[in-house]
Amino acid sequence: MAAAAAAGNGTPREEEAPGGEAAASQAQAPTSAPGGVRLSRLPLARVKALVKADPDVTLAGQEAIFILARAAELFVETIAKDAYCCAQQGKRKTLQRRDLDNAIEAVDEFAFLEGLFQR
């Protein structure tokens, strides 16, 4: 790019062109990053099956399925970390049901879960 700017034409080189191969490969929901690292820990086929189980949903694109899977991962990670903090306060390393209950009561964002896990 520096050579192009020095030449004065200022046009991007072919591999930097917008809408090229790199942009086309980003249009699909990626399941793995370069190097074999998975971007989603949840199986997308299962997430898609859960979405299709809803009678109100008629179509769900791969990108939507990927985003739902990622959101579920982040939710589980967040509530698990908060529950683990509750377990550490009790000087334990193993999560118990009461740790989840305490995390739900302590964090306002989890208020919609209150009373959901009652036996």
N, C-alpha and C. Protein backbone atom coordinates (compact mmCIF):
# COMPACT_ATOMS: atom_id res chain seq x y z
N MET A 1 0.83 -1.19 0.00
CA MET A 1 0.00 0.00 0.00
C MET A 1 0.87 1.24 0.00
N ALA A 2 2.04 1.15 0.68
CA ALA A 2 2.93 2.30 0.72
C ALA A 2 3.47 2.61 -0.67
N ALA A 3 3.73 1.55 -1.45
CA ALA A 3 4.24 1.75 -2.81
C ALA A 3 3.17 2.41 -3.67
N ALA A 4 1.91 2.02 -3.49
CA ALA A 4 0.82 2.61 -4.26
C ALA A 4 0.63 4.07 -3.88
N ALA A 5 0.77 4.38 -2.59
CA ALA A 5 0.61 5.77 -2.15
C ALA A 5 1.78 6.61 -2.65
N ALA A 6 2.99 6.01 -2.67
CA ALA A 6 4.15 6.74 -3.15
C ALA A 6 4.04 7.01 -4.65
N ALA A 7 3.41 6.07 -5.37
CA ALA A 7 3.24 6.25 -6.81
C ALA A 7 2.18 7.31 -7.09
N GLY A 8 1.35 7.58 -6.11
CA GLY A 8 0.38 8.65 -6.27
C GLY A 8 -0.98 8.20 -6.76
N ASN A 9 -1.17 6.90 -7.07
CA ASN A 9 -2.48 6.51 -7.58
C ASN A 9 -3.47 6.23 -6.46
N GLY A 10 -3.02 5.83 -5.26
CA GLY A 10 -3.89 5.69 -4.10
C GLY A 10 -4.95 4.62 -4.21
N THR A 11 -4.95 3.78 -5.23
CA THR A 11 -5.94 2.72 -5.35
C THR A 11 -5.46 1.51 -4.58
N PRO A 12 -6.35 0.82 -3.90
CA PRO A 12 -5.93 -0.36 -3.15
C PRO A 12 -5.54 -1.48 -4.10
N ARG A 13 -4.62 -2.30 -3.62
CA ARG A 13 -4.20 -3.45 -4.41
C ARG A 13 -5.33 -4.47 -4.47
N GLU A 14 -5.17 -5.43 -5.35
CA GLU A 14 -6.24 -6.39 -5.60
C GLU A 14 -6.63 -7.18 -4.35
N GLU A 15 -5.64 -7.62 -3.54
CA GLU A 15 -5.98 -8.42 -2.37
C GLU A 15 -6.63 -7.60 -1.26
N GLU A 16 -6.60 -6.29 -1.34
CA GLU A 16 -7.23 -5.45 -0.34
C GLU A 16 -8.58 -4.92 -0.78
N ALA A 17 -9.02 -5.32 -1.95
CA ALA A 17 -10.26 -4.78 -2.50
C ALA A 17 -11.45 -5.17 -1.65
N PRO A 18 -12.35 -4.23 -1.33
CA PRO A 18 -13.55 -4.58 -0.56
C PRO A 18 -14.46 -5.45 -1.40
N GLY A 19 -15.10 -6.41 -0.73
CA GLY A 19 -16.03 -7.29 -1.43
C GLY A 19 -15.32 -8.45 -2.11
N GLY A 20 -14.05 -8.64 -1.82
CA GLY A 20 -13.28 -9.73 -2.41
C GLY A 20 -13.57 -11.04 -1.71
N GLU A 21 -12.63 -11.96 -1.82
CA GLU A 21 -12.81 -13.28 -1.22
C GLU A 21 -12.97 -13.19 0.28
N ALA A 22 -12.22 -12.34 0.94
CA ALA A 22 -12.31 -12.23 2.39
C ALA A 22 -13.71 -11.80 2.81
N ALA A 23 -14.30 -10.85 2.11
CA ALA A 23 -15.64 -10.40 2.46
C ALA A 23 -16.67 -11.47 2.15
N ALA A 24 -16.47 -12.24 1.09
CA ALA A 24 -17.42 -13.29 0.75
C ALA A 24 -17.39 -14.41 1.77
N SER A 25 -16.21 -14.73 2.31
CA SER A 25 -16.14 -15.81 3.29
C SER A 25 -16.73 -15.39 4.62
N GLN A 26 -16.82 -14.08 4.91
CA GLN A 26 -17.41 -13.62 6.15
C GLN A 26 -18.93 -13.60 6.10
N ALA A 27 -19.52 -13.76 4.95
CA ALA A 27 -20.97 -13.71 4.82
C ALA A 27 -21.62 -14.91 5.46
N GLN A 28 -20.93 -16.04 5.50
CA GLN A 28 -21.48 -17.24 6.12
C GLN A 28 -21.06 -17.27 7.58
N ALA A 29 -21.88 -17.92 8.40
CA ALA A 29 -21.55 -18.03 9.80
C ALA A 29 -20.40 -19.01 9.97
N PRO A 30 -19.27 -18.54 10.45
CA PRO A 30 -18.12 -19.43 10.58
C PRO A 30 -18.27 -20.37 11.77
N THR A 31 -17.88 -21.61 11.57
CA THR A 31 -17.89 -22.56 12.69
C THR A 31 -16.50 -22.77 13.21
N SER A 32 -15.48 -22.41 12.41
CA SER A 32 -14.12 -22.51 12.89
C SER A 32 -13.29 -21.40 12.29
N ALA A 33 -12.33 -20.97 13.06
CA ALA A 33 -11.43 -19.92 12.61
C ALA A 33 -10.23 -20.56 11.93
N PRO A 34 -9.47 -19.78 11.21
CA PRO A 34 -8.25 -20.33 10.63
C PRO A 34 -7.37 -20.91 11.73
N GLY A 35 -6.81 -22.06 11.47
CA GLY A 35 -6.01 -22.72 12.48
C GLY A 35 -6.78 -23.81 13.21
N GLY A 36 -8.04 -24.04 12.83
CA GLY A 36 -8.82 -25.13 13.41
C GLY A 36 -9.48 -24.82 14.74
N VAL A 37 -9.46 -23.58 15.20
CA VAL A 37 -10.09 -23.21 16.46
C VAL A 37 -11.57 -23.01 16.23
N ARG A 38 -12.40 -23.69 17.04
CA ARG A 38 -13.85 -23.54 16.90
C ARG A 38 -14.31 -22.22 17.48
N LEU A 39 -15.20 -21.54 16.76
CA LEU A 39 -15.73 -20.26 17.24
C LEU A 39 -16.95 -20.48 18.14
N SER A 40 -17.58 -21.62 18.03
CA SER A 40 -18.76 -21.93 18.83
C SER A 40 -18.54 -23.25 19.54
N ARG A 41 -18.75 -23.25 20.84
CA ARG A 41 -18.57 -24.48 21.61
C ARG A 41 -19.84 -25.33 21.59
N LEU A 42 -20.96 -24.71 21.34
CA LEU A 42 -22.21 -25.46 21.27
C LEU A 42 -22.41 -25.99 19.85
N PRO A 43 -22.94 -27.19 19.73
CA PRO A 43 -23.19 -27.72 18.39
C PRO A 43 -24.31 -26.95 17.70
N LEU A 44 -23.99 -26.39 16.54
CA LEU A 44 -24.96 -25.54 15.83
C LEU A 44 -26.18 -26.32 15.38
N ALA A 45 -26.02 -27.61 15.10
CA ALA A 45 -27.17 -28.42 14.70
C ALA A 45 -28.18 -28.54 15.83
N ARG A 46 -27.70 -28.65 17.06
CA ARG A 46 -28.61 -28.71 18.20
C ARG A 46 -29.31 -27.38 18.44
N VAL A 47 -28.56 -26.30 18.29
CA VAL A 47 -29.16 -24.97 18.45
C VAL A 47 -30.24 -24.77 17.39
N LYS A 48 -29.93 -25.18 16.17
CA LYS A 48 -30.91 -25.05 15.09
C LYS A 48 -32.16 -25.89 15.38
N ALA A 49 -31.97 -27.09 15.93
CA ALA A 49 -33.12 -27.93 16.28
C ALA A 49 -33.97 -27.27 17.35
N LEU A 50 -33.33 -26.62 18.32
CA LEU A 50 -34.09 -25.92 19.36
C LEU A 50 -34.87 -24.75 18.78
N VAL A 51 -34.26 -24.03 17.85
CA VAL A 51 -34.94 -22.90 17.22
C VAL A 51 -36.12 -23.40 16.40
N LYS A 52 -35.93 -24.48 15.67
CA LYS A 52 -37.01 -25.02 14.84
C LYS A 52 -38.15 -25.59 15.67
N ALA A 53 -37.88 -25.93 16.93
CA ALA A 53 -38.93 -26.46 17.80
C ALA A 53 -39.96 -25.39 18.16
N ASP A 54 -39.59 -24.13 17.99
CA ASP A 54 -40.52 -23.03 18.27
C ASP A 54 -41.48 -22.89 17.10
N PRO A 55 -42.78 -23.02 17.33
CA PRO A 55 -43.74 -22.94 16.22
C PRO A 55 -43.82 -21.55 15.58
N ASP A 56 -43.36 -20.52 16.29
CA ASP A 56 -43.40 -19.17 15.74
C ASP A 56 -42.27 -18.90 14.75
N VAL A 57 -41.24 -19.73 14.75
CA VAL A 57 -40.10 -19.53 13.86
C VAL A 57 -40.30 -20.36 12.60
N THR A 58 -40.27 -19.68 11.45
CA THR A 58 -40.41 -20.40 10.18
C THR A 58 -39.06 -20.58 9.50
N LEU A 59 -38.24 -19.56 9.52
CA LEU A 59 -36.92 -19.62 8.91
C LEU A 59 -35.89 -19.08 9.89
N ALA A 60 -34.70 -19.70 9.88
CA ALA A 60 -33.60 -19.21 10.70
C ALA A 60 -32.32 -19.43 9.91
N GLY A 61 -31.64 -18.35 9.59
CA GLY A 61 -30.41 -18.43 8.83
C GLY A 61 -29.25 -18.90 9.68
N GLN A 62 -28.19 -19.33 9.02
CA GLN A 62 -27.01 -19.82 9.71
C GLN A 62 -26.38 -18.75 10.59
N GLU A 63 -26.40 -17.51 10.14
CA GLU A 63 -25.83 -16.44 10.96
C GLU A 63 -26.63 -16.26 12.25
N ALA A 64 -27.94 -16.34 12.15
CA ALA A 64 -28.79 -16.22 13.34
C ALA A 64 -28.54 -17.37 14.31
N ILE A 65 -28.40 -18.57 13.78
CA ILE A 65 -28.12 -19.74 14.61
C ILE A 65 -26.79 -19.56 15.32
N PHE A 66 -25.77 -19.09 14.59
CA PHE A 66 -24.46 -18.88 15.18
C PHE A 66 -24.51 -17.84 16.29
N ILE A 67 -25.23 -16.75 16.05
CA ILE A 67 -25.33 -15.69 17.06
C ILE A 67 -26.08 -16.18 18.29
N LEU A 68 -27.14 -16.95 18.10
CA LEU A 68 -27.86 -17.51 19.24
C LEU A 68 -26.98 -18.46 20.04
N ALA A 69 -26.19 -19.28 19.35
CA ALA A 69 -25.27 -20.19 20.04
C ALA A 69 -24.23 -19.41 20.83
N ARG A 70 -23.70 -18.37 20.24
CA ARG A 70 -22.68 -17.56 20.93
C ARG A 70 -23.29 -16.85 22.13
N ALA A 71 -24.51 -16.34 21.98
CA ALA A 71 -25.18 -15.67 23.10
C ALA A 71 -25.44 -16.65 24.25
N ALA A 72 -25.83 -17.88 23.92
CA ALA A 72 -26.06 -18.89 24.95
C ALA A 72 -24.75 -19.22 25.67
N GLU A 73 -23.66 -19.31 24.92
CA GLU A 73 -22.35 -19.57 25.54
C GLU A 73 -21.98 -18.46 26.52
N LEU A 74 -22.16 -17.22 26.09
CA LEU A 74 -21.82 -16.10 26.96
C LEU A 74 -22.70 -16.06 28.20
N PHE A 75 -23.98 -16.40 28.05
CA PHE A 75 -24.89 -16.44 29.19
C PHE A 75 -24.46 -17.50 30.19
N VAL A 76 -24.17 -18.70 29.70
CA VAL A 76 -23.75 -19.79 30.58
C VAL A 76 -22.43 -19.44 31.27
N GLU A 77 -21.52 -18.84 30.52
CA GLU A 77 -20.23 -18.45 31.10
C GLU A 77 -20.42 -17.42 32.21
N THR A 78 -21.28 -16.45 31.98
CA THR A 78 -21.50 -15.40 32.97
C THR A 78 -22.15 -15.94 34.23
N ILE A 79 -23.18 -16.74 34.08
CA ILE A 79 -23.85 -17.25 35.28
C ILE A 79 -22.97 -18.26 36.02
N ALA A 80 -22.14 -19.00 35.29
CA ALA A 80 -21.23 -19.94 35.93
C ALA A 80 -20.15 -19.21 36.73
N LYS A 81 -19.64 -18.11 36.18
CA LYS A 81 -18.63 -17.33 36.91
C LYS A 81 -19.22 -16.74 38.18
N ASP A 82 -20.44 -16.21 38.08
CA ASP A 82 -21.07 -15.64 39.26
C ASP A 82 -21.37 -16.72 40.31
N ALA A 83 -21.80 -17.88 39.85
CA ALA A 83 -22.07 -18.98 40.78
C ALA A 83 -20.77 -19.47 41.42
N TYR A 84 -19.69 -19.47 40.65
CA TYR A 84 -18.41 -19.90 41.20
C TYR A 84 -17.93 -18.93 42.27
N CYS A 85 -18.19 -17.66 42.09
CA CYS A 85 -17.85 -16.67 43.13
C CYS A 85 -18.60 -16.96 44.41
N CYS A 86 -19.85 -17.36 44.28
CA CYS A 86 -20.65 -17.73 45.46
C CYS A 86 -20.07 -18.97 46.13
N ALA A 87 -19.60 -19.92 45.34
CA ALA A 87 -18.99 -21.13 45.90
C ALA A 87 -17.69 -20.79 46.61
N GLN A 88 -16.91 -19.87 46.04
CA GLN A 88 -15.65 -19.48 46.68
C GLN A 88 -15.90 -18.77 48.01
N GLN A 89 -16.98 -18.03 48.11
CA GLN A 89 -17.31 -17.38 49.37
C GLN A 89 -17.59 -18.42 50.45
N GLY A 90 -18.10 -19.57 50.04
CA GLY A 90 -18.33 -20.68 50.97
C GLY A 90 -17.11 -21.58 51.09
N LYS A 91 -15.97 -21.14 50.54
CA LYS A 91 -14.70 -21.87 50.59
C LYS A 91 -14.81 -23.24 49.94
N ARG A 92 -15.52 -23.28 48.80
CA ARG A 92 -15.67 -24.51 48.02
C ARG A 92 -15.24 -24.26 46.59
N LYS A 93 -14.86 -25.33 45.91
CA LYS A 93 -14.52 -25.23 44.49
C LYS A 93 -15.59 -25.86 43.62
N THR A 94 -16.46 -26.64 44.22
CA THR A 94 -17.51 -27.32 43.47
C THR A 94 -18.80 -26.51 43.52
N LEU A 95 -19.38 -26.29 42.34
CA LEU A 95 -20.64 -25.56 42.28
C LEU A 95 -21.78 -26.45 42.77
N GLN A 96 -22.66 -25.84 43.51
CA GLN A 96 -23.87 -26.52 43.96
C GLN A 96 -25.07 -25.70 43.51
N ARG A 97 -26.21 -26.31 43.61
CA ARG A 97 -27.45 -25.65 43.19
C ARG A 97 -27.66 -24.34 43.94
N ARG A 98 -27.34 -24.34 45.20
CA ARG A 98 -27.53 -23.12 46.00
C ARG A 98 -26.63 -21.99 45.51
N ASP A 99 -25.47 -22.32 44.91
CA ASP A 99 -24.61 -21.28 44.35
C ASP A 99 -25.29 -20.60 43.17
N LEU A 100 -25.95 -21.38 42.33
CA LEU A 100 -26.72 -20.79 41.23
C LEU A 100 -27.86 -19.95 41.76
N ASP A 101 -28.55 -20.45 42.77
CA ASP A 101 -29.64 -19.67 43.37
C ASP A 101 -29.13 -18.35 43.95
N ASN A 102 -27.98 -18.40 44.62
CA ASN A 102 -27.40 -17.18 45.19
C ASN A 102 -26.98 -16.20 44.11
N ALA A 103 -26.41 -16.72 43.02
CA ALA A 103 -26.00 -15.85 41.91
C ALA A 103 -27.22 -15.19 41.26
N ILE A 104 -28.29 -15.95 41.12
CA ILE A 104 -29.53 -15.42 40.53
C ILE A 104 -30.10 -14.31 41.40
N GLU A 105 -30.06 -14.50 42.72
CA GLU A 105 -30.58 -13.49 43.64
C GLU A 105 -29.68 -12.26 43.69
N ALA A 106 -28.36 -12.45 43.55
CA ALA A 106 -27.42 -11.35 43.72
C ALA A 106 -27.30 -10.45 42.50
N VAL A 107 -27.52 -10.99 41.31
CA VAL A 107 -27.30 -10.23 40.09
C VAL A 107 -28.65 -9.85 39.49
N ASP A 108 -28.86 -8.56 39.27
CA ASP A 108 -30.14 -8.07 38.76
C ASP A 108 -30.47 -8.60 37.38
N GLU A 109 -29.44 -8.82 36.55
CA GLU A 109 -29.67 -9.31 35.18
C GLU A 109 -30.29 -10.70 35.15
N PHE A 110 -30.15 -11.45 36.26
CA PHE A 110 -30.70 -12.80 36.32
C PHE A 110 -32.06 -12.84 37.02
N ALA A 111 -32.69 -11.69 37.22
CA ALA A 111 -33.96 -11.63 37.94
C ALA A 111 -35.04 -12.45 37.23
N PHE A 112 -34.96 -12.56 35.91
CA PHE A 112 -35.98 -13.32 35.19
C PHE A 112 -35.90 -14.82 35.50
N LEU A 113 -34.83 -15.28 36.12
CA LEU A 113 -34.67 -16.70 36.47
C LEU A 113 -35.16 -17.02 37.88
N GLU A 114 -35.49 -15.99 38.66
CA GLU A 114 -35.89 -16.23 40.05
C GLU A 114 -37.14 -17.11 40.09
N GLY A 115 -37.08 -18.15 40.90
CA GLY A 115 -38.19 -19.06 41.05
C GLY A 115 -38.32 -20.09 39.96
N LEU A 116 -37.47 -20.02 38.97
CA LEU A 116 -37.56 -20.94 37.83
C LEU A 116 -37.07 -22.34 38.18
N PHE A 117 -36.13 -22.43 39.10
CA PHE A 117 -35.53 -23.72 39.41
C PHE A 117 -36.05 -24.30 40.72
N GLN A 118 -37.21 -23.90 41.14
CA GLN A 118 -37.78 -24.44 42.38
C GLN A 118 -38.21 -25.87 42.16
N ARG A 119 -37.99 -26.68 43.16
CA ARG A 119 -38.37 -28.12 43.07
C ARG A 119 -39.81 -28.32 43.39
